[in-house]
Protein backbone atom coordinates (compact mmCIF):
# COMPACT_ATOMS: atom_id res chain seq x y z
CA MET A 1 0.00 0.00 0.00
CA LYS A 2 0.99 3.65 -0.28
CA ALA A 3 1.70 5.59 2.91
CA ALA A 4 3.16 8.94 4.00
CA ILE A 5 6.43 8.15 5.75
CA TRP A 6 8.53 10.34 8.04
CA THR A 7 11.86 9.23 9.50
CA ALA A 8 13.02 12.57 10.89
CA TYR A 9 11.62 15.81 12.35
CA GLY A 10 11.70 19.02 10.35
CA THR A 11 10.18 20.71 7.30
CA PRO A 12 7.56 19.08 5.04
CA ASP A 13 10.47 17.74 2.99
CA VAL A 14 10.91 14.97 5.58
CA LEU A 15 7.68 13.43 4.28
CA GLN A 16 7.73 10.88 1.46
CA VAL A 17 5.02 8.67 0.00
CA GLN A 18 6.31 5.10 -0.23
CA GLU A 19 5.09 1.57 -0.84
CA VAL A 20 4.95 -0.37 2.44
CA ASP A 21 3.37 -3.62 3.59
CA LYS A 22 -0.37 -3.49 4.14
CA PRO A 23 -1.11 -4.14 7.84
CA ILE A 24 -2.83 -7.34 8.95
CA PRO A 25 -5.45 -7.02 11.70
CA LYS A 26 -4.55 -8.72 14.97
CA ASP A 27 -7.06 -10.20 17.38
CA ASN A 28 -9.80 -7.63 18.17
CA GLU A 29 -8.59 -5.29 15.41
CA VAL A 30 -10.22 -4.14 12.18
CA LEU A 31 -8.50 -3.29 8.92
CA ILE A 32 -9.71 -0.01 7.43
CA ARG A 33 -9.39 0.99 3.79
CA ILE A 34 -8.93 4.71 4.27
CA ALA A 35 -10.85 7.06 2.03
CA ALA A 36 -9.86 10.29 3.77
CA SER A 37 -7.49 11.48 6.49
CA THR A 38 -6.28 14.91 7.55
CA VAL A 39 -3.28 17.14 8.11
CA THR A 40 -3.98 19.21 11.22
CA ALA A 41 -2.09 21.95 13.03
CA GLY A 42 -1.24 19.25 15.55
CA ASP A 43 0.34 17.11 12.82
CA SER A 44 2.35 20.13 11.70
CA ARG A 45 3.62 20.86 15.22
CA MET A 46 4.51 17.21 15.69
CA ARG A 47 6.48 17.13 12.45
CA ARG A 48 8.36 20.31 13.39
CA CYS A 49 9.25 19.29 16.92
CA ASP A 50 12.97 19.59 16.18
CA VAL A 51 12.34 23.35 16.47
CA PRO A 52 12.86 24.48 20.11
CA SER A 53 9.51 25.31 21.66
CA GLY A 54 7.45 24.75 24.78
CA PHE A 55 6.45 21.35 23.43
CA TRP A 56 9.86 20.24 22.18
CA LEU A 57 10.67 17.79 24.97
CA PRO A 58 7.14 16.42 25.54
CA SER A 59 6.77 15.85 21.79
CA ARG A 60 10.07 14.03 21.55
CA LEU A 61 9.23 11.87 24.56
CA ALA A 62 5.84 11.01 23.08
CA PHE A 63 6.84 10.34 19.46
CA GLY A 64 10.54 9.50 19.58
CA LEU A 65 13.54 11.19 21.15
CA PHE A 66 15.84 11.16 18.13
CA LYS A 67 13.46 10.19 15.33
CA PRO A 68 9.78 9.24 15.04
CA ARG A 69 8.97 5.79 16.41
CA LYS A 70 5.83 5.51 14.26
CA THR A 71 6.84 5.94 10.64
CA ILE A 72 3.40 6.58 9.08
CA THR A 73 1.85 10.00 9.81
CA GLY A 74 -1.75 10.97 10.48
CA MET A 75 -4.30 10.47 13.28
CA ASP A 76 -7.83 10.90 11.89
CA PHE A 77 -9.48 8.67 9.31
CA SER A 78 -12.72 7.83 7.55
CA GLY A 79 -13.15 4.73 5.46
CA GLU A 80 -14.48 1.18 5.20
CA VAL A 81 -13.83 -1.98 7.18
CA VAL A 82 -12.33 -4.54 4.78
CA ALA A 83 -11.22 -7.22 7.23
CA VAL A 84 -11.66 -8.11 10.90
CA GLY A 85 -9.40 -9.94 13.30
CA LYS A 86 -10.36 -12.80 15.59
CA GLY A 87 -12.80 -11.80 18.33
CA VAL A 88 -14.16 -8.66 16.65
CA SER A 89 -17.86 -8.21 17.39
CA LEU A 90 -18.55 -4.47 17.01
CA PHE A 91 -17.79 -4.17 13.29
CA LYS A 92 -18.10 -6.21 10.12
CA THR A 93 -16.68 -6.06 6.61
CA GLY A 94 -18.32 -3.27 4.62
CA ASP A 95 -19.02 -0.98 7.58
CA ARG A 96 -18.44 2.72 6.95
CA VAL A 97 -16.46 4.08 9.92
CA PHE A 98 -14.53 7.09 11.15
CA GLY A 99 -12.24 7.72 14.09
CA SER A 100 -8.79 8.52 15.38
CA THR A 101 -5.73 6.42 16.10
CA GLY A 102 -4.32 9.11 18.39
CA MET A 103 -0.65 8.78 19.19
CA ALA A 104 -0.51 5.45 17.33
CA LEU A 105 -0.67 7.50 14.08
CA GLY A 106 -0.75 5.63 10.76
CA THR A 107 -3.74 7.15 8.93
CA ASN A 108 -2.07 9.06 6.08
CA ALA A 109 -2.09 5.79 4.18
CA GLU A 110 -4.35 3.55 2.12
CA TYR A 111 -4.97 1.17 5.04
CA THR A 112 -4.64 1.13 8.80
CA CYS A 113 -5.55 -1.19 11.67
CA ILE A 114 -7.24 -0.16 14.91
CA ALA A 115 -8.61 -2.10 17.87
CA GLU A 116 -12.41 -2.23 17.86
CA ASN A 117 -12.59 -0.79 21.40
CA LYS A 118 -10.61 2.32 20.45
CA SER A 119 -11.92 5.57 18.95
CA ILE A 120 -13.84 4.24 15.98
CA ILE A 121 -17.59 4.21 15.27
CA ASN A 122 -19.95 3.57 12.37
CA ILE A 123 -21.11 6.47 10.22
CA PRO A 124 -24.23 6.68 8.04
CA ASN A 125 -24.27 6.74 4.25
CA SER A 126 -25.57 10.31 4.44
CA ILE A 127 -22.13 11.74 5.25
CA SER A 128 -19.17 11.65 2.88
CA HIS A 129 -15.80 10.45 4.07
CA THR A 130 -14.24 13.88 3.46
CA ASP A 131 -16.91 15.59 5.55
CA ALA A 132 -16.70 12.95 8.28
CA VAL A 133 -12.94 13.17 8.73
CA ALA A 134 -13.09 16.98 8.77
CA LEU A 135 -15.27 16.88 11.89
CA ILE A 136 -12.88 14.92 14.10
CA PHE A 137 -9.90 17.05 15.18
CA GLY A 138 -11.71 20.33 15.70
CA GLY A 139 -14.84 18.66 17.03
CA ILE A 140 -13.10 16.55 19.65
CA THR A 141 -10.93 19.47 20.78
CA ALA A 142 -13.83 21.93 21.03
CA LEU A 143 -15.99 19.42 22.91
CA HIS A 144 -13.18 18.64 25.34
CA PHE A 145 -12.48 22.24 26.27
CA LEU A 146 -15.92 23.86 26.04
CA THR A 147 -18.37 21.27 27.35
CA GLY A 148 -19.65 22.35 30.77
CA ARG A 149 -17.82 25.68 30.61
CA ILE A 150 -20.34 27.74 28.63
CA LYS A 151 -23.78 28.80 29.81
CA GLN A 152 -26.66 30.46 27.98
CA GLY A 153 -25.60 34.05 27.35
CA SER A 154 -21.91 33.51 28.13
CA LYS A 155 -19.60 35.92 26.34
CA VAL A 156 -17.02 33.88 24.44
CA LEU A 157 -13.95 35.05 22.51
CA ILE A 158 -12.37 32.58 20.08
CA ASN A 159 -8.91 33.35 18.76
CA GLY A 160 -8.30 31.61 15.44
CA ALA A 161 -12.01 31.30 14.76
CA SER A 162 -11.59 30.23 11.12
CA GLY A 163 -9.26 27.27 11.76
CA SER A 164 -10.11 23.64 12.40
CA VAL A 165 -10.58 24.00 16.17
CA GLY A 166 -11.86 27.57 15.96
CA SER A 167 -14.57 26.84 13.39
CA ALA A 168 -15.81 23.91 15.48
CA ALA A 169 -15.61 25.97 18.68
CA VAL A 170 -17.72 28.78 17.19
CA GLN A 171 -20.44 26.32 16.21
CA LEU A 172 -20.34 24.44 19.51
CA ALA A 173 -20.41 27.64 21.57
CA LYS A 174 -23.39 28.79 19.50
CA SER A 175 -25.23 25.55 20.27
CA PHE A 176 -24.63 26.27 23.97
CA GLY A 177 -26.27 29.69 23.62
CA ALA A 178 -23.13 31.83 23.83
CA GLU A 179 -22.55 35.34 22.52
CA ILE A 180 -19.50 34.84 20.35
CA THR A 181 -16.71 37.10 19.14
CA GLY A 182 -14.29 35.54 16.69
CA ILE A 183 -10.76 36.69 15.94
CA CYS A 184 -9.54 36.03 12.39
CA SER A 185 -8.32 37.85 9.30
CA GLY A 186 -10.71 40.13 7.45
CA GLY A 187 -10.86 37.66 4.57
CA ASN A 188 -12.41 35.03 6.84
CA ARG A 189 -14.98 37.36 8.40
CA ASP A 190 -17.96 36.09 6.40
CA LEU A 191 -17.07 32.46 7.11
CA VAL A 192 -16.86 33.00 10.87
CA LEU A 193 -20.14 34.95 10.92
CA SER A 194 -21.82 32.17 8.93
CA LEU A 195 -20.71 29.66 11.58
CA GLY A 196 -22.52 31.58 14.31
CA ALA A 197 -20.24 34.36 15.54
CA ASP A 198 -22.01 37.58 16.53
CA LYS A 199 -18.96 39.77 15.98
CA VAL A 200 -15.58 39.43 14.27
CA ILE A 201 -12.32 41.16 15.15
CA ASP A 202 -9.79 41.43 12.31
CA TYR A 203 -6.47 40.78 14.04
CA THR A 204 -4.61 42.58 11.26
CA LYS A 205 -6.36 45.84 12.18
CA ASN A 206 -7.46 45.64 15.81
CA GLU A 207 -6.31 44.21 19.13
CA PHE A 208 -9.09 42.65 21.20
CA ALA A 209 -7.27 43.71 24.38
CA ASN A 210 -7.97 47.35 23.45
CA ASP A 211 -11.69 46.63 23.67
CA VAL A 212 -13.64 47.22 26.88
CA VAL A 213 -15.56 43.94 26.55
CA VAL A 214 -15.07 41.36 29.29
CA TYR A 215 -15.43 37.68 28.40
CA ASP A 216 -16.49 34.62 30.37
CA VAL A 217 -14.43 32.32 28.15
CA ILE A 218 -11.45 33.10 25.94
CA LEU A 219 -10.31 30.20 23.79
CA ASP A 220 -6.96 30.53 22.05
CA ALA A 221 -6.66 28.06 19.17
CA VAL A 222 -3.62 29.83 17.70
CA GLY A 223 -1.08 29.86 20.51
CA ASN A 224 -0.22 33.56 20.69
CA LEU A 225 -2.19 34.61 23.78
CA SER A 226 -1.12 34.60 27.42
CA TYR A 227 -2.82 35.03 30.76
CA ALA A 228 -1.00 38.31 31.34
CA GLY A 229 -2.32 39.68 28.06
CA CYS A 230 -5.87 38.42 28.63
CA LYS A 231 -6.35 39.03 32.35
CA LYS A 232 -8.12 42.36 32.03
CA SER A 233 -10.43 40.91 29.37
CA LEU A 234 -11.62 38.09 31.61
CA SER A 235 -14.63 38.34 33.90
CA LYS A 236 -14.08 37.66 37.60
CA SER A 237 -14.94 33.99 37.11
CA GLY A 238 -13.79 33.86 33.49
CA ILE A 239 -11.41 31.25 32.08
CA LEU A 240 -8.66 31.34 29.47
CA ILE A 241 -8.33 28.12 27.43
CA LEU A 242 -4.88 27.75 25.88
CA ILE A 243 -5.00 24.83 23.47
CA ASN A 244 -1.41 25.15 22.20
CA ALA A 245 0.24 25.99 25.51
CA GLY A 246 3.87 25.08 26.15
CA LEU A 247 5.06 22.93 29.03
CA GLY A 248 5.80 25.92 31.27
CA THR A 249 2.32 27.35 30.79
CA ILE A 250 0.73 23.98 31.44
CA ILE A 251 2.61 23.67 34.73
CA SER A 252 1.75 27.22 35.79
CA SER A 253 -1.92 26.60 34.96
CA LEU A 254 -2.03 24.09 37.81
CA PHE A 255 -1.83 27.06 40.17
CA ASN A 256 -4.21 29.39 38.30
CA ARG A 257 -7.90 28.46 38.27
CA GLN A 258 -8.53 30.86 35.38
CA VAL A 259 -6.21 29.05 32.95
CA ILE A 260 -7.16 25.75 31.30
CA CYS A 261 -4.61 23.71 29.33
CA GLY A 262 -4.17 20.08 28.46
CA VAL A 263 -4.75 17.57 25.69
CA ALA A 264 -8.08 16.57 24.17
CA VAL A 265 -8.41 12.79 24.31
CA GLU A 266 -10.30 10.97 21.58
CA SER A 267 -13.02 8.44 22.48
CA LYS A 268 -16.05 6.66 21.05
CA GLU A 269 -18.27 8.89 23.17
CA ARG A 270 -16.79 12.06 21.64
CA LEU A 271 -17.19 10.65 18.13
CA HIS A 272 -20.84 9.80 18.78
CA GLU A 273 -21.40 13.35 20.08
CA ILE A 274 -19.73 14.85 17.00
CA LEU A 275 -21.95 12.73 14.74
CA ARG A 276 -25.07 13.73 16.72
CA LEU A 277 -24.17 17.41 16.37
CA TYR A 278 -23.60 16.96 12.64
CA GLU A 279 -26.91 15.20 12.13
CA SER A 280 -28.71 17.97 14.04
CA LYS A 281 -26.87 20.57 11.90
CA GLN A 282 -25.16 22.11 14.93
CA LEU A 283 -21.67 21.17 13.71
CA MET A 284 -20.78 21.27 10.03
CA PRO A 285 -17.37 20.52 8.50
CA VAL A 286 -15.25 23.35 7.13
CA ILE A 287 -12.79 22.18 4.48
CA ASP A 288 -10.16 24.47 3.04
CA LYS A 289 -8.32 22.20 0.62
CA THR A 290 -8.23 18.55 -0.36
CA TYR A 291 -5.02 16.87 -1.51
CA PRO A 292 -4.26 13.38 -2.81
CA LEU A 293 -1.96 11.33 -0.60
CA GLU A 294 0.88 11.83 -3.07
CA LYS A 295 0.86 15.56 -2.22
CA ILE A 296 1.11 15.15 1.56
CA ALA A 297 4.16 17.43 1.75
CA GLU A 298 2.28 20.18 -0.13
CA ALA A 299 -0.61 19.79 2.31
CA HIS A 300 1.77 20.25 5.24
CA ARG A 301 3.24 23.36 3.64
CA HIS A 302 -0.23 24.84 3.40
CA VAL A 303 -0.96 24.07 7.04
CA ASP A 304 2.41 25.58 8.01
CA THR A 305 1.31 28.95 6.61
CA GLY A 306 -1.09 29.26 9.55
CA HIS A 307 -3.81 30.61 7.26
CA LYS A 308 -5.92 27.56 6.43
CA LYS A 309 -9.69 27.77 6.76
CA GLY A 310 -11.00 24.83 8.73
CA ASN A 311 -9.47 21.53 7.67
CA VAL A 312 -7.03 20.11 5.17
CA VAL A 313 -8.12 16.69 3.95
CA ILE A 314 -6.03 13.93 2.37
CA THR A 315 -7.79 11.52 0.01
CA THR A 316 -6.72 8.04 -1.09
CA GLU A 317 -9.62 7.27 -3.43
């Protein structure tokens, strides 16, 4: 099968599409023929983790100190079950499924294996594989950080409102009854408003900190905000959610009740909730560009610009 291979950290040039052995499902595993996967901001940061940053050491410890331990990139997938291992009872050949392999990676390929008890569920025929896979990264992240933290009428500021996480967060916050301000470039204003934002701040022209508005929740999906810079914009009980925080910020957040950091963990329950929100039209996929697997490096270069709208999808069909 064809797969996107990385054997070193660095620029998109470390990625190559190669022929490798197709995996064989072990006991309790299913073999998925992948129709669509993604390149997320998280994939980009992971690939670049030779660049000194707050996540340099944690990334190296998680994925390989000197080089990546898992050689096939990608976390999210949508496709079809084509074989099942011994003991599998939740899925059968022909099932349409989507999910995430998490830190096991391996989805920027034509096939992957995943245990049936991991983050994988059936999807209906009414959703395309490209739409399905575009819901996962942003949807799981937004659900993880916003569920239970927004009330009807809460004032919410979302930095990076046009990205994968931001576009999902705007829609989710809207479903919770929030009053939403999105930060993005002027060119993405109409998109963010169409997703449910009540107001848009063009970061190229205005600084939200200069505004007199106080927010109950500030979600930073970009990674360029800090508690010091946001403190005066937070209500007395407000919280700052830093999705791309470095290790130092994560540690300091343990001593500051107004700062939330961490990692969104994938699960079947989250996938079911994403699918429910999609079917009720409360969460719709936003896709910027779609690339064939052979152009995985080009897809990473686009993500590296920091200006993608929603999601970048990789297709293998």
